Amino acid sequence: MAVAVVNEIPQGNQSFYDEVNPRVMPDGRLPEGCQVHIAGPSGGGWRVITVWDSEERFQQFRSEKLIPAMKEVGGDDFIAPSVEPDPVHKLVVFSA
């Protein structure tokens, strides 16, 4: 079942995002299992919203790629202890 993940990073910013993003999405490609990726400023911090094929895919990406990339750029303080995905009832995307 597809899941949505909303990461709120209160102390995050575009600079931090721009350092981490190429490490987890080389050449701007979505990671395997990720269907949607949206990022932008939110309430003085940074928000990233993603939709994944399954919670397992997200948790694998988080532990194997995202957390190491965040640590690599000195973002230890930005890492949430855990992230709980929510089930997706319906996902509609535009296709040309």
Foldseek 3Di string as FASTA:
>chain_A
DKWKWKQWQQAADPVLCVQLVCQLQPPNHHPPQWDDWDKDDDPNHIMIMTMGNDPVVVVCSCVPTRVVSCVVVPNPVRDDPDTDIGDDPDDDDDDD
